[in-house]
């Protein structure tokens, strides 16, 4: 059986997106590797939400409420984001 589309996935421990310029570096590498979805750990952003980059990618993220440690995120290519039906945070660590 031949798949209808190929999906390129990646994962990366970014070790800190809380530094100036790090988000731009990671999204540039995301595009260089021609990924559709990138799972990231240790992003160190607070709270949770979604942001759109200037180049059209979506970043979904969840982190600690007040301290800049832990945290995970996904970068989705613009075309992939359109196919996402929804997302939620079913468990949160206190």
C-alpha atoms as a PDB file:
ATOM      1  CA  UNK A   1       0.000   0.000   0.000  1.00  0.00           C
ATOM      2  CA  UNK A   2       1.420   3.381  -1.021  1.00  0.00           C
ATOM      3  CA  UNK A   3       0.835   6.289   1.383  1.00  0.00           C
ATOM      4  CA  UNK A   4      -1.018   9.322   0.045  1.00  0.00           C
ATOM      5  CA  UNK A   5       1.424  11.728   1.633  1.00  0.00           C
ATOM      6  CA  UNK A   6       4.764  11.623   3.401  1.00  0.00           C
ATOM      7  CA  UNK A   7       5.027  13.265   6.813  1.00  0.00           C
ATOM      8  CA  UNK A   8       8.454  14.277   8.106  1.00  0.00           C
ATOM      9  CA  UNK A   9       8.712  14.216  11.922  1.00  0.00           C
ATOM     10  CA  UNK A  10      11.544  15.258  14.196  1.00  0.00           C
ATOM     11  CA  UNK A  11      12.272  15.584  17.909  1.00  0.00           C
ATOM     12  CA  UNK A  12      14.779  17.819  19.602  1.00  0.00           C
ATOM     13  CA  UNK A  13      15.783  18.695  23.160  1.00  0.00           C
ATOM     14  CA  UNK A  14      16.191  22.419  22.479  1.00  0.00           C
ATOM     15  CA  UNK A  15      17.446  23.018  26.036  1.00  0.00           C
ATOM     16  CA  UNK A  16      16.034  26.542  26.229  1.00  0.00           C
ATOM     17  CA  UNK A  17      13.852  28.640  23.944  1.00  0.00           C
ATOM     18  CA  UNK A  18      13.713  31.318  26.640  1.00  0.00           C
ATOM     19  CA  UNK A  19      16.883  32.958  25.256  1.00  0.00           C
ATOM     20  CA  UNK A  20      16.733  35.733  22.655  1.00  0.00           C
ATOM     21  CA  UNK A  21      17.030  34.398  19.122  1.00  0.00           C
ATOM     22  CA  UNK A  22      16.610  30.704  19.994  1.00  0.00           C
ATOM     23  CA  UNK A  23      13.087  30.416  18.544  1.00  0.00           C
ATOM     24  CA  UNK A  24      14.289  31.883  15.244  1.00  0.00           C
ATOM     25  CA  UNK A  25      17.210  29.411  15.194  1.00  0.00           C
ATOM     26  CA  UNK A  26      14.980  26.410  15.853  1.00  0.00           C
ATOM     27  CA  UNK A  27      12.375  27.400  13.259  1.00  0.00           C
ATOM     28  CA  UNK A  28      15.150  27.992  10.709  1.00  0.00           C
ATOM     29  CA  UNK A  29      16.485  24.464  11.325  1.00  0.00           C
ATOM     30  CA  UNK A  30      12.904  23.154  11.148  1.00  0.00           C
ATOM     31  CA  UNK A  31      12.659  24.600   7.624  1.00  0.00           C
ATOM     32  CA  UNK A  32      16.204  23.493   6.656  1.00  0.00           C
ATOM     33  CA  UNK A  33      15.346  19.868   7.483  1.00  0.00           C
ATOM     34  CA  UNK A  34      12.022  20.284   5.639  1.00  0.00           C
ATOM     35  CA  UNK A  35      10.078  18.909   8.623  1.00  0.00           C
ATOM     36  CA  UNK A  36       6.298  18.897   8.945  1.00  0.00           C
ATOM     37  CA  UNK A  37       6.199  18.452  12.745  1.00  0.00           C
ATOM     38  CA  UNK A  38       8.940  18.962  15.333  1.00  0.00           C
ATOM     39  CA  UNK A  39       8.501  17.805  18.932  1.00  0.00           C
ATOM     40  CA  UNK A  40      10.594  19.846  21.377  1.00  0.00           C
ATOM     41  CA  UNK A  41      11.482  19.251  25.006  1.00  0.00           C
ATOM     42  CA  UNK A  42      12.890  21.583  27.649  1.00  0.00           C
ATOM     43  CA  UNK A  43      11.654  24.764  25.960  1.00  0.00           C
ATOM     44  CA  UNK A  44      11.322  26.567  29.334  1.00  0.00           C
ATOM     45  CA  UNK A  45       8.389  28.806  28.405  1.00  0.00           C
ATOM     46  CA  UNK A  46       5.751  29.561  31.023  1.00  0.00           C
ATOM     47  CA  UNK A  47       2.067  28.760  30.649  1.00  0.00           C
ATOM     48  CA  UNK A  48       0.569  27.200  27.569  1.00  0.00           C
ATOM     49  CA  UNK A  49      -0.735  28.345  24.232  1.00  0.00           C
ATOM     50  CA  UNK A  50      -0.044  28.790  20.575  1.00  0.00           C
ATOM     51  CA  UNK A  51       1.957  31.333  18.646  1.00  0.00           C
ATOM     52  CA  UNK A  52       2.491  31.852  14.931  1.00  0.00           C
ATOM     53  CA  UNK A  53       5.887  32.681  13.515  1.00  0.00           C
ATOM     54  CA  UNK A  54       6.468  35.338  10.864  1.00  0.00           C
ATOM     55  CA  UNK A  55       7.090  32.531   8.348  1.00  0.00           C
ATOM     56  CA  UNK A  56       3.762  30.793   9.074  1.00  0.00           C
ATOM     57  CA  UNK A  57       4.663  27.942  11.418  1.00  0.00           C
ATOM     58  CA  UNK A  58       2.580  27.331  14.551  1.00  0.00           C
ATOM     59  CA  UNK A  59       4.194  26.606  17.900  1.00  0.00           C
ATOM     60  CA  UNK A  60       2.009  24.799  20.447  1.00  0.00           C
ATOM     61  CA  UNK A  61       3.581  24.819  23.909  1.00  0.00           C
ATOM     62  CA  UNK A  62       3.056  23.932  27.548  1.00  0.00           C
ATOM     63  CA  UNK A  63       5.341  24.761  30.460  1.00  0.00           C
ATOM     64  CA  UNK A  64       5.463  25.550  34.153  1.00  0.00           C
ATOM     65  CA  UNK A  65       3.099  28.284  35.323  1.00  0.00           C
ATOM     66  CA  UNK A  66       5.684  30.696  36.754  1.00  0.00           C
ATOM     67  CA  UNK A  67       9.219  29.325  36.551  1.00  0.00           C
ATOM     68  CA  UNK A  68      11.212  28.984  33.350  1.00  0.00           C
ATOM     69  CA  UNK A  69      12.008  25.294  33.532  1.00  0.00           C
ATOM     70  CA  UNK A  70      10.651  22.144  31.874  1.00  0.00           C
ATOM     71  CA  UNK A  71       8.171  22.575  29.064  1.00  0.00           C
ATOM     72  CA  UNK A  72       7.369  20.889  25.788  1.00  0.00           C
ATOM     73  CA  UNK A  73       6.226  22.118  22.417  1.00  0.00           C
ATOM     74  CA  UNK A  74       5.415  21.277  18.830  1.00  0.00           C
ATOM     75  CA  UNK A  75       6.236  23.217  15.700  1.00  0.00           C
ATOM     76  CA  UNK A  76       3.774  22.566  12.891  1.00  0.00           C
ATOM     77  CA  UNK A  77       4.209  23.540   9.265  1.00  0.00           C
ATOM     78  CA  UNK A  78       1.427  25.853   8.075  1.00  0.00           C
ATOM     79  CA  UNK A  79      -0.130  23.127   5.885  1.00  0.00           C
ATOM     80  CA  UNK A  80      -0.073  20.610   8.758  1.00  0.00           C
ATOM     81  CA  UNK A  81      -1.631  23.104  11.212  1.00  0.00           C
ATOM     82  CA  UNK A  82      -4.656  23.382   8.918  1.00  0.00           C
ATOM     83  CA  UNK A  83      -5.318  19.650   9.371  1.00  0.00           C
ATOM     84  CA  UNK A  84      -5.189  19.733  13.198  1.00  0.00           C
ATOM     85  CA  UNK A  85      -8.724  19.303  14.514  1.00  0.00           C
ATOM     86  CA  UNK A  86      -7.924  20.351  18.070  1.00  0.00           C
ATOM     87  CA  UNK A  87      -5.579  20.038  21.016  1.00  0.00           C
ATOM     88  CA  UNK A  88      -5.888  20.247  24.775  1.00  0.00           C
ATOM     89  CA  UNK A  89      -3.929  19.741  27.955  1.00  0.00           C
ATOM     90  CA  UNK A  90      -5.427  16.720  29.662  1.00  0.00           C
ATOM     91  CA  UNK A  91      -2.916  16.587  32.551  1.00  0.00           C
ATOM     92  CA  UNK A  92      -0.989  19.386  34.211  1.00  0.00           C
ATOM     93  CA  UNK A  93       1.721  19.019  36.800  1.00  0.00           C
ATOM     94  CA  UNK A  94       1.427  21.361  39.805  1.00  0.00           C
END
